[in-house]
PDB file of N, CA and C in Angstrom:
ATOM      1  N   MET A   1     110.225  67.627 120.499  1.00  0.00           N
ATOM      2  CA  MET A   1     110.244  66.200 120.411  1.00  0.00           C
ATOM      3  C   MET A   1     110.080  65.748 118.956  1.00  0.00           C
ATOM      4  N   ILE A   2     109.112  66.267 118.253  1.00  0.00           N
ATOM      5  CA  ILE A   2     108.885  65.877 116.865  1.00  0.00           C
ATOM      6  C   ILE A   2     110.068  66.282 116.002  1.00  0.00           C
ATOM      7  N   ARG A   3     110.565  67.502 116.184  1.00  0.00           N
ATOM      8  CA  ARG A   3     111.698  67.985 115.377  1.00  0.00           C
ATOM      9  C   ARG A   3     112.906  67.070 115.511  1.00  0.00           C
ATOM     10  N   LYS A   4     113.161  66.586 116.738  1.00  0.00           N
ATOM     11  CA  LYS A   4     114.318  65.729 116.985  1.00  0.00           C
ATOM     12  C   LYS A   4     114.255  64.483 116.103  1.00  0.00           C
ATOM     13  N   HIS A   5     113.097  63.865 115.980  1.00  0.00           N
ATOM     14  CA  HIS A   5     112.954  62.648 115.189  1.00  0.00           C
ATOM     15  C   HIS A   5     112.967  62.935 113.695  1.00  0.00           C
ATOM     16  N   VAL A   6     112.355  64.011 113.302  1.00  0.00           N
ATOM     17  CA  VAL A   6     112.252  64.341 111.876  1.00  0.00           C
ATOM     18  C   VAL A   6     113.593  64.752 111.315  1.00  0.00           C
ATOM     19  N   LYS A   7     114.352  65.549 112.029  1.00  0.00           N
ATOM     20  CA  LYS A   7     115.624  66.052 111.515  1.00  0.00           C
ATOM     21  C   LYS A   7     116.704  64.985 111.451  1.00  0.00           C
ATOM     22  N   ALA A   8     116.502  63.869 112.124  1.00  0.00           N
ATOM     23  CA  ALA A   8     117.491  62.796 112.081  1.00  0.00           C
ATOM     24  C   ALA A   8     117.460  62.054 110.751  1.00  0.00           C
ATOM     25  N   ARG A   9     116.417  62.254 109.975  1.00  0.00           N
ATOM     26  CA  ARG A   9     116.250  61.557 108.700  1.00  0.00           C
ATOM     27  C   ARG A   9     116.650  62.463 107.545  1.00  0.00           C
ATOM     28  N   PRO A  10     117.603  62.040 106.700  1.00  0.00           N
ATOM     29  CA  PRO A  10     118.004  62.887 105.574  1.00  0.00           C
ATOM     30  C   PRO A  10     116.891  62.963 104.521  1.00  0.00           C
ATOM     31  N   VAL A  11     116.681  64.158 103.990  1.00  0.00           N
ATOM     32  CA  VAL A  11     115.637  64.375 102.992  1.00  0.00           C
ATOM     33  C   VAL A  11     116.185  65.262 101.890  1.00  0.00           C
ATOM     34  N   GLU A  12     115.821  64.968 100.653  1.00  0.00           N
ATOM     35  CA  GLU A  12     116.212  65.823  99.534  1.00  0.00           C
ATOM     36  C   GLU A  12     115.450  67.133  99.656  1.00  0.00           C
ATOM     37  N   ARG A  13     116.147  68.252  99.681  1.00  0.00           N
ATOM     38  CA  ARG A  13     115.498  69.546  99.871  1.00  0.00           C
ATOM     39  C   ARG A  13     115.346  70.317  98.572  1.00  0.00           C
ATOM     40  N   GLU A  14     116.227  70.092  97.636  1.00  0.00           N
ATOM     41  CA  GLU A  14     116.181  70.814  96.366  1.00  0.00           C
ATOM     42  C   GLU A  14     116.483  69.848  95.240  1.00  0.00           C
ATOM     43  N   ARG A  15     115.991  70.179  94.077  1.00  0.00           N
ATOM     44  CA  ARG A  15     116.271  69.364  92.895  1.00  0.00           C
ATOM     45  C   ARG A  15     116.820  70.289  91.821  1.00  0.00           C
ATOM     46  N   GLN A  16     117.973  69.954  91.272  1.00  0.00           N
ATOM     47  CA  GLN A  16     118.594  70.769  90.240  1.00  0.00           C
ATOM     48  C   GLN A  16     118.040  70.382  88.872  1.00  0.00           C
ATOM     49  N   THR A  17     117.651  71.376  88.093  1.00  0.00           N
ATOM     50  CA  THR A  17     117.182  71.126  86.737  1.00  0.00           C
ATOM     51  C   THR A  17     117.726  72.206  85.823  1.00  0.00           C
ATOM     52  N   THR A  18     118.437  71.829  84.838  1.00  0.00           N
ATOM     53  CA  THR A  18     119.008  72.734  83.828  1.00  0.00           C
ATOM     54  C   THR A  18     119.405  74.104  84.379  1.00  0.00           C
ATOM     55  N   GLY A  19     120.203  74.072  85.430  1.00  0.00           N
ATOM     56  CA  GLY A  19     120.746  75.320  85.958  1.00  0.00           C
ATOM     57  C   GLY A  19     119.844  76.084  86.908  1.00  0.00           C
ATOM     58  N   SER A  20     118.667  75.560  87.238  1.00  0.00           N
ATOM     59  CA  SER A  20     117.796  76.274  88.176  1.00  0.00           C
ATOM     60  C   SER A  20     117.480  75.378  89.365  1.00  0.00           C
ATOM     61  N   THR A  21     117.054  75.983  90.456  1.00  0.00           N
ATOM     62  CA  THR A  21     116.666  75.252  91.650  1.00  0.00           C
ATOM     63  C   THR A  21     115.149  75.302  91.761  1.00  0.00           C
ATOM     64  N   VAL A  22     114.541  74.134  91.903  1.00  0.00           N
ATOM     65  CA  VAL A  22     113.088  74.054  92.023  1.00  0.00           C
ATOM     66  C   VAL A  22     112.744  73.884  93.484  1.00  0.00           C
ATOM     67  N   ARG A  23     111.932  74.781  94.016  1.00  0.00           N
ATOM     68  CA  ARG A  23     111.478  74.691  95.397  1.00  0.00           C
ATOM     69  C   ARG A  23     109.964  74.716  95.392  1.00  0.00           C
ATOM     70  N   THR A  24     109.384  73.954  96.283  1.00  0.00           N
ATOM     71  CA  THR A  24     107.938  73.904  96.387  1.00  0.00           C
ATOM     72  C   THR A  24     107.502  74.702  97.603  1.00  0.00           C
ATOM     73  N   GLU A  25     106.602  75.633  97.407  1.00  0.00           N
ATOM     74  CA  GLU A  25     106.057  76.400  98.514  1.00  0.00           C
ATOM     75  C   GLU A  25     104.842  75.648  99.046  1.00  0.00           C
ATOM     76  N   ILE A  26     104.814  75.408 100.341  1.00  0.00           N
ATOM     77  CA  ILE A  26     103.746  74.638 100.960  1.00  0.00           C
ATOM     78  C   ILE A  26     103.003  75.540 101.938  1.00  0.00           C
ATOM     79  N   ARG A  27     101.669  75.507 101.864  1.00  0.00           N
ATOM     80  CA  ARG A  27     100.837  76.336 102.746  1.00  0.00           C
ATOM     81  C   ARG A  27      99.836  75.475 103.489  1.00  0.00           C
ATOM     82  N   ARG A  28      99.495  75.921 104.685  1.00  0.00           N
ATOM     83  CA  ARG A  28      98.494  75.240 105.501  1.00  0.00           C
ATOM     84  C   ARG A  28      97.173  75.163 104.735  1.00  0.00           C
ATOM     85  N   GLY A  29      96.536  73.999 104.768  1.00  0.00           N
ATOM     86  CA  GLY A  29      95.265  73.799 104.099  1.00  0.00           C
ATOM     87  C   GLY A  29      95.381  73.268 102.681  1.00  0.00           C
ATOM     88  N   GLU A  30      96.567  73.337 102.103  1.00  0.00           N
ATOM     89  CA  GLU A  30      96.754  72.848 100.729  1.00  0.00           C
ATOM     90  C   GLU A  30      96.789  71.332 100.688  1.00  0.00           C
ATOM     91  N   ARG A  31      96.373  70.793  99.555  1.00  0.00           N
ATOM     92  CA  ARG A  31      96.439  69.356  99.318  1.00  0.00           C
ATOM     93  C   ARG A  31      97.769  69.053  98.639  1.00  0.00           C
ATOM     94  N   LEU A  32      98.438  68.024  99.134  1.00  0.00           N
ATOM     95  CA  LEU A  32      99.712  67.618  98.546  1.00  0.00           C
ATOM     96  C   LEU A  32      99.474  66.776  97.292  1.00  0.00           C
ATOM     97  N   PRO A  33     100.308  66.946  96.285  1.00  0.00           N
ATOM     98  CA  PRO A  33     100.203  66.088  95.088  1.00  0.00           C
ATOM     99  C   PRO A  33     100.442  64.623  95.462  1.00  0.00           C
ATOM    100  N   ASP A  34      99.877  63.728  94.686  1.00  0.00           N
ATOM    101  CA  ASP A  34     100.014  62.295  94.956  1.00  0.00           C
ATOM    102  C   ASP A  34     101.466  61.828  94.943  1.00  0.00           C
ATOM    103  N   GLY A  35     102.329  62.514  94.223  1.00  0.00           N
ATOM    104  CA  GLY A  35     103.727  62.117  94.139  1.00  0.00           C
ATOM    105  C   GLY A  35     104.571  62.465  95.360  1.00  0.00           C
ATOM    106  N   VAL A  36     104.030  63.243  96.292  1.00  0.00           N
ATOM    107  CA  VAL A  36     104.783  63.627  97.488  1.00  0.00           C
ATOM    108  C   VAL A  36     104.638  62.520  98.528  1.00  0.00           C
ATOM    109  N   GLU A  37     105.768  61.989  98.991  1.00  0.00           N
ATOM    110  CA  GLU A  37     105.759  60.917  99.977  1.00  0.00           C
ATOM    111  C   GLU A  37     105.458  61.481 101.366  1.00  0.00           C
ATOM    112  N   ILE A  38     104.495  60.871 102.030  1.00  0.00           N
ATOM    113  CA  ILE A  38     104.100  61.259 103.384  1.00  0.00           C
ATOM    114  C   ILE A  38     104.599  60.174 104.327  1.00  0.00           C
ATOM    115  N   ASP A  39     105.279  60.574 105.396  1.00  0.00           N
ATOM    116  CA  ASP A  39     105.883  59.615 106.325  1.00  0.00           C
ATOM    117  C   ASP A  39     105.103  59.522 107.626  1.00  0.00           C
ATOM    118  N   ALA A  40     105.145  58.342 108.242  1.00  0.00           N
ATOM    119  CA  ALA A  40     104.597  58.157 109.584  1.00  0.00           C
ATOM    120  C   ALA A  40     105.616  58.658 110.594  1.00  0.00           C
ATOM    121  N   PHE A  41     105.137  59.197 111.700  1.00  0.00           N
ATOM    122  CA  PHE A  41     106.039  59.589 112.778  1.00  0.00           C
ATOM    123  C   PHE A  41     106.619  58.324 113.408  1.00  0.00           C
ATOM    124  N   PRO A  42     107.797  58.426 114.013  1.00  0.00           N
ATOM    125  CA  PRO A  42     108.352  57.278 114.741  1.00  0.00           C
ATOM    126  C   PRO A  42     107.423  56.909 115.908  1.00  0.00           C
ATOM    127  N   ASP A  43     107.433  55.638 116.303  1.00  0.00           N
ATOM    128  CA  ASP A  43     106.571  55.167 117.398  1.00  0.00           C
ATOM    129  C   ASP A  43     106.733  55.988 118.673  1.00  0.00           C
ATOM    130  N   GLU A  44     107.952  56.443 118.941  1.00  0.00           N
ATOM    131  CA  GLU A  44     108.196  57.234 120.149  1.00  0.00           C
ATOM    132  C   GLU A  44     107.355  58.518 120.155  1.00  0.00           C
ATOM    133  N   VAL A  45     107.205  59.141 119.002  1.00  0.00           N
ATOM    134  CA  VAL A  45     106.388  60.355 118.904  1.00  0.00           C
ATOM    135  C   VAL A  45     104.940  60.023 119.227  1.00  0.00           C
ATOM    136  N   TYR A  46     104.431  58.914 118.684  1.00  0.00           N
ATOM    137  CA  TYR A  46     103.039  58.524 118.945  1.00  0.00           C
ATOM    138  C   TYR A  46     102.828  58.186 120.421  1.00  0.00           C
ATOM    139  N   ARG A  47     103.830  57.595 121.064  1.00  0.00           N
ATOM    140  CA  ARG A  47     103.702  57.294 122.500  1.00  0.00           C
ATOM    141  C   ARG A  47     103.633  58.583 123.318  1.00  0.00           C
ATOM    142  N   GLU A  48     104.452  59.565 122.962  1.00  0.00           N
ATOM    143  CA  GLU A  48     104.495  60.821 123.716  1.00  0.00           C
ATOM    144  C   GLU A  48     103.377  61.781 123.334  1.00  0.00           C
ATOM    145  N   ALA A  49     102.855  61.663 122.115  1.00  0.00           N
ATOM    146  CA  ALA A  49     101.782  62.544 121.640  1.00  0.00           C
ATOM    147  C   ALA A  49     100.747  61.688 120.894  1.00  0.00           C
ATOM    148  N   PRO A  50      99.930  60.924 121.618  1.00  0.00           N
ATOM    149  CA  PRO A  50      98.981  60.020 120.964  1.00  0.00           C
ATOM    150  C   PRO A  50      97.998  60.716 120.033  1.00  0.00           C
ATOM    151  N   SER A  51      97.754  61.987 120.246  1.00  0.00           N
ATOM    152  CA  SER A  51      96.821  62.715 119.379  1.00  0.00           C
ATOM    153  C   SER A  51      97.339  62.825 117.938  1.00  0.00           C
ATOM    154  N   LEU A  52      98.628  62.599 117.734  1.00  0.00           N
ATOM    155  CA  LEU A  52      99.208  62.651 116.386  1.00  0.00           C
ATOM    156  C   LEU A  52      99.050  61.339 115.619  1.00  0.00           C
ATOM    157  N   ARG A  53      98.523  60.298 116.260  1.00  0.00           N
ATOM    158  CA  ARG A  53      98.446  58.978 115.638  1.00  0.00           C
ATOM    159  C   ARG A  53      97.729  58.994 114.283  1.00  0.00           C
ATOM    160  N   GLU A  54      96.729  59.831 114.133  1.00  0.00           N
ATOM    161  CA  GLU A  54      95.983  59.861 112.869  1.00  0.00           C
ATOM    162  C   GLU A  54      96.681  60.695 111.785  1.00  0.00           C
ATOM    163  N   TYR A  55      97.790  61.336 112.123  1.00  0.00           N
ATOM    164  CA  TYR A  55      98.480  62.218 111.183  1.00  0.00           C
ATOM    165  C   TYR A  55      99.819  61.653 110.741  1.00  0.00           C
ATOM    166  N   ARG A  56     100.338  62.222 109.651  1.00  0.00           N
ATOM    167  CA  ARG A  56     101.660  61.897 109.137  1.00  0.00           C
ATOM    168  C   ARG A  56     102.407  63.214 108.956  1.00  0.00           C
ATOM    169  N   TYR A  57     103.593  63.167 108.350  1.00  0.00           N
ATOM    170  CA  TYR A  57     104.349  64.404 108.163  1.00  0.00           C
ATOM    171  C   TYR A  57     105.175  64.361 106.886  1.00  0.00           C
ATOM    172  N   ILE A  58     105.589  65.552 106.465  1.00  0.00           N
ATOM    173  CA  ILE A  58     106.605  65.698 105.427  1.00  0.00           C
ATOM    174  C   ILE A  58     107.616  66.706 105.951  1.00  0.00           C
ATOM    175  N   HIS A  59     108.827  66.636 105.431  1.00  0.00           N
ATOM    176  CA  HIS A  59     109.891  67.578 105.812  1.00  0.00           C
ATOM    177  C   HIS A  59     110.453  68.158 104.524  1.00  0.00           C
ATOM    178  N   ARG A  60     110.309  69.468 104.351  1.00  0.00           N
ATOM    179  CA  ARG A  60     110.784  70.147 103.143  1.00  0.00           C
ATOM    180  C   ARG A  60     111.400  71.487 103.507  1.00  0.00           C
ATOM    181  N   ASP A  61     112.504  71.820 102.880  1.00  0.00           N
ATOM    182  CA  ASP A  61     113.152  73.130 103.038  1.00  0.00           C
ATOM    183  C   ASP A  61     113.306  73.521 104.506  1.00  0.00           C
ATOM    184  N   SER A  62     113.834  72.607 105.317  1.00  0.00           N
ATOM    185  CA  SER A  62     114.097  72.832 106.749  1.00  0.00           C
ATOM    186  C   SER A  62     112.827  73.056 107.563  1.00  0.00           C
ATOM    187  N   ARG A  63     111.695  72.671 107.039  1.00  0.00           N
ATOM    188  CA  ARG A  63     110.432  72.801 107.769  1.00  0.00           C
ATOM    189  C   ARG A  63     109.722  71.454 107.800  1.00  0.00           C
ATOM    190  N   THR A  64     108.957  71.246 108.847  1.00  0.00           N
ATOM    191  CA  THR A  64     108.182  70.023 108.997  1.00  0.00           C
ATOM    192  C   THR A  64     106.710  70.386 108.984  1.00  0.00           C
ATOM    193  N   TYR A  65     105.927  69.600 108.261  1.00  0.00           N
ATOM    194  CA  TYR A  65     104.494  69.852 108.130  1.00  0.00           C
ATOM    195  C   TYR A  65     103.724  68.618 108.570  1.00  0.00           C
ATOM    196  N   ILE A  66     102.688  68.813 109.378  1.00  0.00           N
ATOM    197  CA  ILE A  66     101.800  67.731 109.774  1.00  0.00           C
ATOM    198  C   ILE A  66     100.733  67.603 108.689  1.00  0.00           C
ATOM    199  N   VAL A  67     100.461  66.361 108.276  1.00  0.00           N
ATOM    200  CA  VAL A  67      99.573  66.096 107.148  1.00  0.00           C
ATOM    201  C   VAL A  67      98.435  65.162 107.578  1.00  0.00           C
ATOM    202  N   GLU A  68      97.224  65.469 107.136  1.00  0.00           N
ATOM    203  CA  GLU A  68      96.084  64.572 107.304  1.00  0.00           C
ATOM    204  C   GLU A  68      96.157  63.639 106.089  1.00  0.00           C
ATOM    205  N   PRO A  69      96.472  62.351 106.305  1.00  0.00           N
ATOM    206  CA  PRO A  69      96.827  61.487 105.176  1.00  0.00           C
ATOM    207  C   PRO A  69      95.695  61.128 104.210  1.00  0.00           C
ATOM    208  N   GLN A  70      94.452  61.008 104.668  1.00  0.00           N
ATOM    209  CA  GLN A  70      93.377  60.620 103.745  1.00  0.00           C
ATOM    210  C   GLN A  70      93.134  61.701 102.693  1.00  0.00           C
ATOM    211  N   GLU A  71      93.110  62.943 103.106  1.00  0.00           N
ATOM    212  CA  GLU A  71      92.897  64.064 102.176  1.00  0.00           C
ATOM    213  C   GLU A  71      94.209  64.658 101.679  1.00  0.00           C
ATOM    214  N   ARG A  72      95.334  64.240 102.308  1.00  0.00           N
ATOM    215  CA  ARG A  72      96.668  64.737 101.954  1.00  0.00           C
ATOM    216  C   ARG A  72      96.760  66.250 102.137  1.00  0.00           C
ATOM    217  N   ARG A  73      96.116  66.770 103.154  1.00  0.00           N
ATOM    218  CA  ARG A  73      96.098  68.213 103.431  1.00  0.00           C
ATOM    219  C   ARG A  73      97.080  68.576 104.535  1.00  0.00           C
ATOM    220  N   ILE A  74      97.745  69.728 104.338  1.00  0.00           N
ATOM    221  CA  ILE A  74      98.647  70.254 105.358  1.00  0.00           C
ATOM    222  C   ILE A  74      97.799  70.797 106.509  1.00  0.00           C
ATOM    223  N   ILE A  75      98.057  70.306 107.720  1.00  0.00           N
ATOM    224  CA  ILE A  75      97.307  70.731 108.905  1.00  0.00           C
ATOM    225  C   ILE A  75      98.057  71.821 109.658  1.00  0.00           C
ATOM    226  N   GLU A  76      99.380  71.646 109.772  1.00  0.00           N
ATOM    227  CA  GLU A  76     100.168  72.564 110.605  1.00  0.00           C
ATOM    228  C   GLU A  76     101.610  72.549 110.136  1.00  0.00           C
ATOM    229  N   GLU A  77     102.287  73.652 110.315  1.00  0.00           N
ATOM    230  CA  GLU A  77     103.731  73.736 110.055  1.00  0.00           C
ATOM    231  C   GLU A  77     104.461  73.771 111.389  1.00  0.00           C
ATOM    232  N   ILE A  78     105.516  72.992 111.497  1.00  0.00           N
ATOM    233  CA  ILE A  78     106.379  73.010 112.684  1.00  0.00           C
ATOM    234  C   ILE A  78     107.720  73.519 112.208  1.00  0.00           C
ATOM    235  N   ASP A  79     108.153  74.672 112.685  1.00  0.00           N
ATOM    236  CA  ASP A  79     109.449  75.187 112.229  1.00  0.00           C
ATOM    237  C   ASP A  79     110.535  74.972 113.245  1.00  0.00           C
TER     238      ASP A  79
END
């Protein structure tokens, strides 16, 4: 259910810089930098999974991560 909503939104996955590809490796428990945009789940996700209401997500490199927004920490990876 979550994947269906997240994958419908286009996201920049890579950034080209002087001939190289920059990728960010994300691990559970890590704090995200302030410059990383954290998105709210669509209302439909919150209706079907109310326990996610306090969380947000990011989508990077074909993976989705659940984020605790106050601390900006990765809680879980959804592949």
